[in-house]
Amino acid sequence: MQAQKPKVTLIGAGPGATDLITLRGAQALSQAKAVLYDALINPELLDLAPAGAPRIFVGKRAGNHEYSQSEINKLIVSYAQEFGHIVRLKGGDPFVFGRGYEEIAYASTFGIETAVVPGISSAVAVPEAFNIPLTSRGVSESFWVITGATTQGHISNDLKLAAQSTATVVILMGMNNLGEITKLFKAVGKSQTAVAVMQNGTRPNQRLVKGTVETIEILVKDQHFGSPAIIVIGNVVDLQF
């Protein structure tokens, strides 16, 4: 049997609900010979892959890494060379804090064809699922999307700049540093600025807690919110209904 030409299709699975993957993403997934998937994808999406295609979990959560990024890169190449067309399925959009570019760049050094299917980013979709706009006339003219922790686990310097702006600030992967984040906003006089923390956005079990920079840390603790979650800081949170 002639070996199939290796190819990697990087697909953004969207924010969580199965019907928020794109048509192009669903079509590419249906043609996969193997699927390498992350922790944040909805597992029901794996049913879109052919019945005989292996499904390999390579997810990472805070403090719980099944594989290192280097190992994931090597697995992508290995499976593409063995199976032909493989899908790398990642939550949200693969180029928004998803390290998707690193993965296809690595695969391309082996001469492997790559393709990217954009996904709906949770940074935008999850607030929308709770009727929180990121911009609104007279309230917010722009928004920042920032990681809550760098690869070293520290607060991003961009977050310090964002706290000084009038923009809406959307923070991904920030729950472990929530205390430090709120200190930044308090330091620039924003203790009473509205904050929303959202878990499982777009899924049936989605949850929301709202407060202010001053109160949000206590509220999320009382309601047992943890990672992963999305944090939105700004006056747009007061528009939620």
C-alpha atoms as a PDB file:
ATOM      1  CA  MET A   1       0.000   0.000   0.000  1.00  0.00           C
ATOM      2  CA  GLN A   2       1.364   3.392  -0.987  1.00  0.00           C
ATOM      3  CA  ALA A   3       2.049   5.677   1.978  1.00  0.00           C
ATOM      4  CA  GLN A   4      -0.149   8.749   2.127  1.00  0.00           C
ATOM      5  CA  LYS A   5       1.429  12.171   1.872  1.00  0.00           C
ATOM      6  CA  PRO A   6       1.795  13.640   5.368  1.00  0.00           C
ATOM      7  CA  LYS A   7      -0.312  16.675   6.153  1.00  0.00           C
ATOM      8  CA  VAL A   8      -1.239  18.512   9.346  1.00  0.00           C
ATOM      9  CA  THR A   9      -4.462  20.497   9.590  1.00  0.00           C
ATOM     10  CA  LEU A  10      -4.605  22.743  12.637  1.00  0.00           C
ATOM     11  CA  ILE A  11      -8.237  23.315  13.613  1.00  0.00           C
ATOM     12  CA  GLY A  12      -9.705  25.745  16.107  1.00  0.00           C
ATOM     13  CA  ALA A  13     -12.505  23.862  17.856  1.00  0.00           C
ATOM     14  CA  GLY A  14     -14.183  26.996  19.168  1.00  0.00           C
ATOM     15  CA  PRO A  15     -15.079  27.952  22.749  1.00  0.00           C
ATOM     16  CA  GLY A  16     -16.855  24.776  23.848  1.00  0.00           C
ATOM     17  CA  ALA A  17     -20.269  24.229  22.281  1.00  0.00           C
ATOM     18  CA  THR A  18     -20.071  21.577  19.574  1.00  0.00           C
ATOM     19  CA  ASP A  19     -22.001  23.679  17.046  1.00  0.00           C
ATOM     20  CA  LEU A  20     -19.499  26.531  17.279  1.00  0.00           C
ATOM     21  CA  ILE A  21     -16.820  24.727  15.305  1.00  0.00           C
ATOM     22  CA  THR A  22     -16.718  26.067  11.754  1.00  0.00           C
ATOM     23  CA  LEU A  23     -18.062  24.118   8.777  1.00  0.00           C
ATOM     24  CA  ARG A  24     -14.543  24.004   7.356  1.00  0.00           C
ATOM     25  CA  GLY A  25     -13.218  22.638  10.631  1.00  0.00           C
ATOM     26  CA  ALA A  26     -15.897  19.927  10.783  1.00  0.00           C
ATOM     27  CA  GLN A  27     -15.192  18.928   7.191  1.00  0.00           C
ATOM     28  CA  ALA A  28     -11.435  18.675   7.768  1.00  0.00           C
ATOM     29  CA  LEU A  29     -12.016  16.670  10.943  1.00  0.00           C
ATOM     30  CA  SER A  30     -14.197  14.215   9.005  1.00  0.00           C
ATOM     31  CA  GLN A  31     -11.234  13.492   6.712  1.00  0.00           C
ATOM     32  CA  ALA A  32      -8.622  12.956   9.411  1.00  0.00           C
ATOM     33  CA  LYS A  33      -6.582   9.783   9.582  1.00  0.00           C
ATOM     34  CA  ALA A  34      -5.674  10.581  13.210  1.00  0.00           C
ATOM     35  CA  VAL A  35      -6.572  13.337  15.681  1.00  0.00           C
ATOM     36  CA  LEU A  36      -4.372  14.896  18.358  1.00  0.00           C
ATOM     37  CA  TYR A  37      -6.605  16.906  20.677  1.00  0.00           C
ATOM     38  CA  ASP A  38      -6.340  19.262  23.629  1.00  0.00           C
ATOM     39  CA  ALA A  39      -7.945  19.324  27.076  1.00  0.00           C
ATOM     40  CA  LEU A  40     -10.272  22.253  26.374  1.00  0.00           C
ATOM     41  CA  ILE A  41     -12.037  20.860  23.319  1.00  0.00           C
ATOM     42  CA  ASN A  42     -15.521  19.404  23.650  1.00  0.00           C
ATOM     43  CA  PRO A  43     -14.954  15.613  23.467  1.00  0.00           C
ATOM     44  CA  GLU A  44     -18.156  15.218  21.445  1.00  0.00           C
ATOM     45  CA  LEU A  45     -16.318  16.798  18.514  1.00  0.00           C
ATOM     46  CA  LEU A  46     -14.184  13.675  18.250  1.00  0.00           C
ATOM     47  CA  ASP A  47     -17.268  11.894  16.909  1.00  0.00           C
ATOM     48  CA  LEU A  48     -16.831  13.918  13.712  1.00  0.00           C
ATOM     49  CA  ALA A  49     -13.613  12.055  12.925  1.00  0.00           C
ATOM     50  CA  PRO A  50     -13.770   8.747  11.000  1.00  0.00           C
ATOM     51  CA  ALA A  51     -14.511   5.770  13.234  1.00  0.00           C
ATOM     52  CA  GLY A  52     -11.142   4.124  12.685  1.00  0.00           C
ATOM     53  CA  ALA A  53      -9.005   7.221  13.201  1.00  0.00           C
ATOM     54  CA  PRO A  54      -6.902   7.138  16.383  1.00  0.00           C
ATOM     55  CA  ARG A  55      -7.664   9.883  18.885  1.00  0.00           C
ATOM     56  CA  ILE A  56      -4.665  10.936  20.948  1.00  0.00           C
ATOM     57  CA  PHE A  57      -5.008  13.186  23.971  1.00  0.00           C
ATOM     58  CA  VAL A  58      -2.136  15.661  24.263  1.00  0.00           C
ATOM     59  CA  GLY A  59      -3.794  18.233  26.501  1.00  0.00           C
ATOM     60  CA  LYS A  60      -2.204  20.543  29.016  1.00  0.00           C
ATOM     61  CA  ARG A  61      -3.831  22.104  32.053  1.00  0.00           C
ATOM     62  CA  ALA A  62      -2.266  24.301  34.707  1.00  0.00           C
ATOM     63  CA  GLY A  63       0.072  22.065  36.718  1.00  0.00           C
ATOM     64  CA  ASN A  64      -0.916  18.968  34.727  1.00  0.00           C
ATOM     65  CA  HIS A  65       0.915  18.464  31.448  1.00  0.00           C
ATOM     66  CA  GLU A  66       0.339  15.143  29.703  1.00  0.00           C
ATOM     67  CA  TYR A  67       3.116  16.046  27.252  1.00  0.00           C
ATOM     68  CA  SER A  68       5.569  18.907  26.988  1.00  0.00           C
ATOM     69  CA  GLN A  69       5.243  21.189  23.976  1.00  0.00           C
ATOM     70  CA  SER A  70       8.391  19.694  22.498  1.00  0.00           C
ATOM     71  CA  GLU A  71       6.911  16.205  22.810  1.00  0.00           C
ATOM     72  CA  ILE A  72       3.661  17.341  21.196  1.00  0.00           C
ATOM     73  CA  ASN A  73       5.555  18.797  18.249  1.00  0.00           C
ATOM     74  CA  LYS A  74       7.355  15.498  17.728  1.00  0.00           C
ATOM     75  CA  LEU A  75       4.123  13.502  18.012  1.00  0.00           C
ATOM     76  CA  ILE A  76       2.499  15.672  15.342  1.00  0.00           C
ATOM     77  CA  VAL A  77       5.321  14.925  12.925  1.00  0.00           C
ATOM     78  CA  SER A  78       5.418  11.234  13.836  1.00  0.00           C
ATOM     79  CA  TYR A  79       1.675  10.699  13.326  1.00  0.00           C
ATOM     80  CA  ALA A  80       1.618  12.693  10.088  1.00  0.00           C
ATOM     81  CA  GLN A  81       4.436  10.576   8.689  1.00  0.00           C
ATOM     82  CA  GLU A  82       2.675   7.375   9.791  1.00  0.00           C
ATOM     83  CA  PHE A  83      -0.962   8.135   8.943  1.00  0.00           C
ATOM     84  CA  GLY A  84      -0.911  10.863   6.302  1.00  0.00           C
ATOM     85  CA  HIS A  85      -3.478  13.592   6.984  1.00  0.00           C
ATOM     86  CA  ILE A  86      -3.785  14.270  10.708  1.00  0.00           C
ATOM     87  CA  VAL A  87      -5.793  16.901  12.548  1.00  0.00           C
ATOM     88  CA  ARG A  88      -4.443  18.901  15.455  1.00  0.00           C
ATOM     89  CA  LEU A  89      -7.593  19.983  17.321  1.00  0.00           C
ATOM     90  CA  LYS A  90      -7.227  22.909  19.710  1.00  0.00           C
ATOM     91  CA  GLY A  91      -9.733  24.881  21.777  1.00  0.00           C
ATOM     92  CA  GLY A  92     -10.811  28.357  20.710  1.00  0.00           C
ATOM     93  CA  ASP A  93      -8.615  29.733  17.951  1.00  0.00           C
ATOM     94  CA  PRO A  94      -5.268  27.953  17.564  1.00  0.00           C
ATOM     95  CA  PHE A  95      -3.302  31.178  17.076  1.00  0.00           C
ATOM     96  CA  VAL A  96      -4.664  32.890  20.212  1.00  0.00           C
ATOM     97  CA  PHE A  97      -2.482  31.614  23.077  1.00  0.00           C
ATOM     98  CA  GLY A  98      -2.739  28.152  21.557  1.00  0.00           C
ATOM     99  CA  ARG A  99       0.876  27.665  20.425  1.00  0.00           C
ATOM    100  CA  GLY A 100      -0.567  26.553  17.126  1.00  0.00           C
ATOM    101  CA  TYR A 101       1.945  28.490  15.074  1.00  0.00           C
ATOM    102  CA  GLU A 102       4.819  26.755  16.872  1.00  0.00           C
ATOM    103  CA  GLU A 103       3.355  23.370  15.973  1.00  0.00           C
ATOM    104  CA  ILE A 104       2.862  23.933  12.250  1.00  0.00           C
ATOM    105  CA  ALA A 105       6.185  25.753  11.972  1.00  0.00           C
ATOM    106  CA  TYR A 106       7.892  22.701  13.473  1.00  0.00           C
ATOM    107  CA  ALA A 107       6.023  20.313  11.149  1.00  0.00           C
ATOM    108  CA  SER A 108       6.936  22.405   8.110  1.00  0.00           C
ATOM    109  CA  THR A 109      10.658  21.954   8.836  1.00  0.00           C
ATOM    110  CA  PHE A 110      10.131  18.273   7.968  1.00  0.00           C
ATOM    111  CA  GLY A 111       8.545  19.178   4.641  1.00  0.00           C
ATOM    112  CA  ILE A 112       5.059  18.369   5.921  1.00  0.00           C
ATOM    113  CA  GLU A 113       2.177  20.259   4.325  1.00  0.00           C
ATOM    114  CA  THR A 114       0.178  22.310   6.824  1.00  0.00           C
ATOM    115  CA  ALA A 115      -3.166  24.095   6.849  1.00  0.00           C
ATOM    116  CA  VAL A 116      -4.930  26.230   9.448  1.00  0.00           C
ATOM    117  CA  VAL A 117      -8.677  26.407  10.065  1.00  0.00           C
ATOM    118  CA  PRO A 118      -9.502  29.415  12.274  1.00  0.00           C
ATOM    119  CA  GLY A 119     -11.689  28.908  15.305  1.00  0.00           C
ATOM    120  CA  ILE A 120     -14.006  31.158  17.290  1.00  0.00           C
ATOM    121  CA  SER A 121     -11.899  32.490  20.126  1.00  0.00           C
ATOM    122  CA  SER A 122     -13.215  32.042  23.645  1.00  0.00           C
ATOM    123  CA  ALA A 123     -11.898  35.544  24.383  1.00  0.00           C
ATOM    124  CA  VAL A 124     -14.784  36.957  22.364  1.00  0.00           C
ATOM    125  CA  ALA A 125     -17.362  34.173  22.331  1.00  0.00           C
ATOM    126  CA  VAL A 126     -17.593  33.490  26.062  1.00  0.00           C
ATOM    127  CA  PRO A 127     -18.394  37.066  27.093  1.00  0.00           C
ATOM    128  CA  GLU A 128     -20.952  37.147  24.274  1.00  0.00           C
ATOM    129  CA  ALA A 129     -22.558  33.986  25.648  1.00  0.00           C
ATOM    130  CA  PHE A 130     -23.312  35.998  28.803  1.00  0.00           C
ATOM    131  CA  ASN A 131     -24.476  39.116  26.892  1.00  0.00           C
ATOM    132  CA  ILE A 132     -21.303  41.028  27.729  1.00  0.00           C
ATOM    133  CA  PRO A 133     -20.099  43.101  24.758  1.00  0.00           C
ATOM    134  CA  LEU A 134     -16.398  43.844  24.616  1.00  0.00           C
ATOM    135  CA  THR A 135     -17.028  47.204  22.970  1.00  0.00           C
ATOM    136  CA  SER A 136     -20.090  49.437  23.097  1.00  0.00           C
ATOM    137  CA  ARG A 137     -20.629  53.045  22.056  1.00  0.00           C
ATOM    138  CA  GLY A 138     -19.922  55.425  24.855  1.00  0.00           C
ATOM    139  CA  VAL A 139     -18.591  52.673  27.133  1.00  0.00           C
ATOM    140  CA  SER A 140     -15.548  51.040  25.545  1.00  0.00           C
ATOM    141  CA  GLU A 141     -13.796  51.802  22.266  1.00  0.00           C
ATOM    142  CA  SER A 142     -11.392  48.843  22.266  1.00  0.00           C
ATOM    143  CA  PHE A 143     -10.317  45.714  24.078  1.00  0.00           C
ATOM    144  CA  TRP A 144      -7.148  43.916  25.054  1.00  0.00           C
ATOM    145  CA  VAL A 145      -6.800  40.132  25.096  1.00  0.00           C
ATOM    146  CA  ILE A 146      -3.937  39.173  27.390  1.00  0.00           C
ATOM    147  CA  THR A 147      -2.568  36.034  28.976  1.00  0.00           C
ATOM    148  CA  GLY A 148      -2.864  35.967  32.736  1.00  0.00           C
ATOM    149  CA  ALA A 149       0.592  34.456  33.062  1.00  0.00           C
ATOM    150  CA  THR A 150       3.697  34.281  30.907  1.00  0.00           C
ATOM    151  CA  THR A 151       5.511  30.994  30.278  1.00  0.00           C
ATOM    152  CA  GLN A 152       7.418  31.693  33.493  1.00  0.00           C
ATOM    153  CA  GLY A 153       4.147  32.135  35.394  1.00  0.00           C
ATOM    154  CA  HIS A 154       4.573  35.873  35.898  1.00  0.00           C
ATOM    155  CA  ILE A 155       2.145  38.701  35.190  1.00  0.00           C
ATOM    156  CA  SER A 156       2.566  40.081  31.679  1.00  0.00           C
ATOM    157  CA  ASN A 157       3.926  43.601  31.369  1.00  0.00           C
ATOM    158  CA  ASP A 158       1.153  44.209  28.837  1.00  0.00           C
ATOM    159  CA  LEU A 159      -1.364  43.665  31.613  1.00  0.00           C
ATOM    160  CA  LYS A 160       0.188  46.542  33.525  1.00  0.00           C
ATOM    161  CA  LEU A 161      -0.284  48.767  30.492  1.00  0.00           C
ATOM    162  CA  ALA A 162      -3.834  47.542  29.914  1.00  0.00           C
ATOM    163  CA  ALA A 163      -4.818  48.392  33.482  1.00  0.00           C
ATOM    164  CA  GLN A 164      -3.954  52.028  32.744  1.00  0.00           C
ATOM    165  CA  SER A 165      -6.113  52.185  29.616  1.00  0.00           C
ATOM    166  CA  THR A 166      -9.847  52.807  29.238  1.00  0.00           C
ATOM    167  CA  ALA A 167     -10.243  49.610  27.189  1.00  0.00           C
ATOM    168  CA  THR A 168     -12.015  46.414  28.153  1.00  0.00           C
ATOM    169  CA  VAL A 169      -9.446  43.860  29.350  1.00  0.00           C
ATOM    170  CA  VAL A 170      -9.999  40.157  28.630  1.00  0.00           C
ATOM    171  CA  ILE A 171      -7.646  37.838  30.485  1.00  0.00           C
ATOM    172  CA  LEU A 172      -7.154  34.186  29.609  1.00  0.00           C
ATOM    173  CA  MET A 173      -5.420  31.726  31.921  1.00  0.00           C
ATOM    174  CA  GLY A 174      -5.400  34.238  34.736  1.00  0.00           C
ATOM    175  CA  MET A 175      -7.170  32.586  37.650  1.00  0.00           C
ATOM    176  CA  ASN A 176      -3.996  31.500  39.414  1.00  0.00           C
ATOM    177  CA  ASN A 177      -2.825  35.111  39.388  1.00  0.00           C
ATOM    178  CA  LEU A 178      -6.163  36.774  40.111  1.00  0.00           C
ATOM    179  CA  GLY A 179      -4.887  38.399  43.312  1.00  0.00           C
ATOM    180  CA  GLU A 180      -1.926  39.967  41.519  1.00  0.00           C
ATOM    181  CA  ILE A 181      -4.134  41.064  38.637  1.00  0.00           C
ATOM    182  CA  THR A 182      -6.559  42.882  40.899  1.00  0.00           C
ATOM    183  CA  LYS A 183      -3.653  44.593  42.676  1.00  0.00           C
ATOM    184  CA  LEU A 184      -2.572  46.086  39.348  1.00  0.00           C
ATOM    185  CA  PHE A 185      -6.007  47.576  38.769  1.00  0.00           C
ATOM    186  CA  LYS A 186      -6.336  48.812  42.346  1.00  0.00           C
ATOM    187  CA  ALA A 187      -2.987  50.551  42.001  1.00  0.00           C
ATOM    188  CA  VAL A 188      -4.365  52.726  39.180  1.00  0.00           C
ATOM    189  CA  GLY A 189      -7.563  53.619  41.018  1.00  0.00           C
ATOM    190  CA  LYS A 190      -9.878  51.013  39.527  1.00  0.00           C
ATOM    191  CA  SER A 191     -11.058  49.207  42.670  1.00  0.00           C
ATOM    192  CA  GLN A 192     -14.705  49.757  41.726  1.00  0.00           C
ATOM    193  CA  THR A 193     -14.378  48.742  38.072  1.00  0.00           C
ATOM    194  CA  ALA A 194     -16.709  45.884  37.161  1.00  0.00           C
ATOM    195  CA  VAL A 195     -15.324  42.367  36.690  1.00  0.00           C
ATOM    196  CA  ALA A 196     -16.859  39.167  35.306  1.00  0.00           C
ATOM    197  CA  VAL A 197     -15.393  35.689  35.648  1.00  0.00           C
ATOM    198  CA  MET A 198     -16.820  32.984  33.393  1.00  0.00           C
ATOM    199  CA  GLN A 199     -16.411  29.213  33.363  1.00  0.00           C
ATOM    200  CA  ASN A 200     -17.498  26.666  30.733  1.00  0.00           C
ATOM    201  CA  GLY A 201     -18.724  29.436  28.457  1.00  0.00           C
ATOM    202  CA  THR A 202     -21.126  28.373  25.642  1.00  0.00           C
ATOM    203  CA  ARG A 203     -21.684  24.985  27.286  1.00  0.00           C
ATOM    204  CA  PRO A 204     -24.861  23.930  29.149  1.00  0.00           C
ATOM    205  CA  ASN A 205     -23.050  24.212  32.497  1.00  0.00           C
ATOM    206  CA  GLN A 206     -21.653  27.704  31.919  1.00  0.00           C
ATOM    207  CA  ARG A 207     -21.276  29.843  35.050  1.00  0.00           C
ATOM    208  CA  LEU A 208     -20.777  33.539  35.739  1.00  0.00           C
ATOM    209  CA  VAL A 209     -19.805  35.557  38.770  1.00  0.00           C
ATOM    210  CA  LYS A 210     -19.748  39.362  38.711  1.00  0.00           C
ATOM    211  CA  GLY A 211     -18.209  41.820  41.115  1.00  0.00           C
ATOM    212  CA  THR A 212     -15.642  44.576  41.162  1.00  0.00           C
ATOM    213  CA  VAL A 213     -11.871  44.634  41.221  1.00  0.00           C
ATOM    214  CA  GLU A 214     -12.220  45.026  44.988  1.00  0.00           C
ATOM    215  CA  THR A 215     -14.590  42.077  45.543  1.00  0.00           C
ATOM    216  CA  ILE A 216     -14.034  39.543  42.764  1.00  0.00           C
ATOM    217  CA  GLU A 217     -11.320  37.507  44.467  1.00  0.00           C
ATOM    218  CA  ILE A 218     -13.597  36.732  47.433  1.00  0.00           C
ATOM    219  CA  LEU A 219     -16.612  36.055  45.195  1.00  0.00           C
ATOM    220  CA  VAL A 220     -14.866  33.471  43.013  1.00  0.00           C
ATOM    221  CA  LYS A 221     -13.563  31.727  46.111  1.00  0.00           C
ATOM    222  CA  ASP A 222     -17.026  31.630  47.697  1.00  0.00           C
ATOM    223  CA  GLN A 223     -18.540  30.200  44.500  1.00  0.00           C
ATOM    224  CA  HIS A 224     -15.688  27.737  43.947  1.00  0.00           C
ATOM    225  CA  PHE A 225     -14.541  29.089  40.609  1.00  0.00           C
ATOM    226  CA  GLY A 226     -11.187  27.842  39.374  1.00  0.00           C
ATOM    227  CA  SER A 227      -9.200  27.308  36.205  1.00  0.00           C
ATOM    228  CA  PRO A 228      -9.889  27.461  33.362  1.00  0.00           C
ATOM    229  CA  ALA A 229     -11.951  30.639  33.318  1.00  0.00           C
ATOM    230  CA  ILE A 230     -12.094  33.923  31.445  1.00  0.00           C
ATOM    231  CA  ILE A 231     -11.830  37.252  33.241  1.00  0.00           C
ATOM    232  CA  VAL A 232     -13.298  40.458  31.820  1.00  0.00           C
ATOM    233  CA  ILE A 233     -12.503  43.774  33.477  1.00  0.00           C
ATOM    234  CA  GLY A 234     -14.248  46.938  32.368  1.00  0.00           C
ATOM    235  CA  ASN A 235     -17.428  48.978  32.382  1.00  0.00           C
ATOM    236  CA  VAL A 236     -18.967  46.738  29.704  1.00  0.00           C
ATOM    237  CA  VAL A 237     -19.589  44.138  32.427  1.00  0.00           C
ATOM    238  CA  ASP A 238     -22.274  46.468  33.842  1.00  0.00           C
ATOM    239  CA  LEU A 239     -24.169  46.117  30.544  1.00  0.00           C
ATOM    240  CA  GLN A 240     -24.739  42.402  31.128  1.00  0.00           C
ATOM    241  CA  PHE A 241     -28.355  41.306  31.452  1.00  0.00           C
END
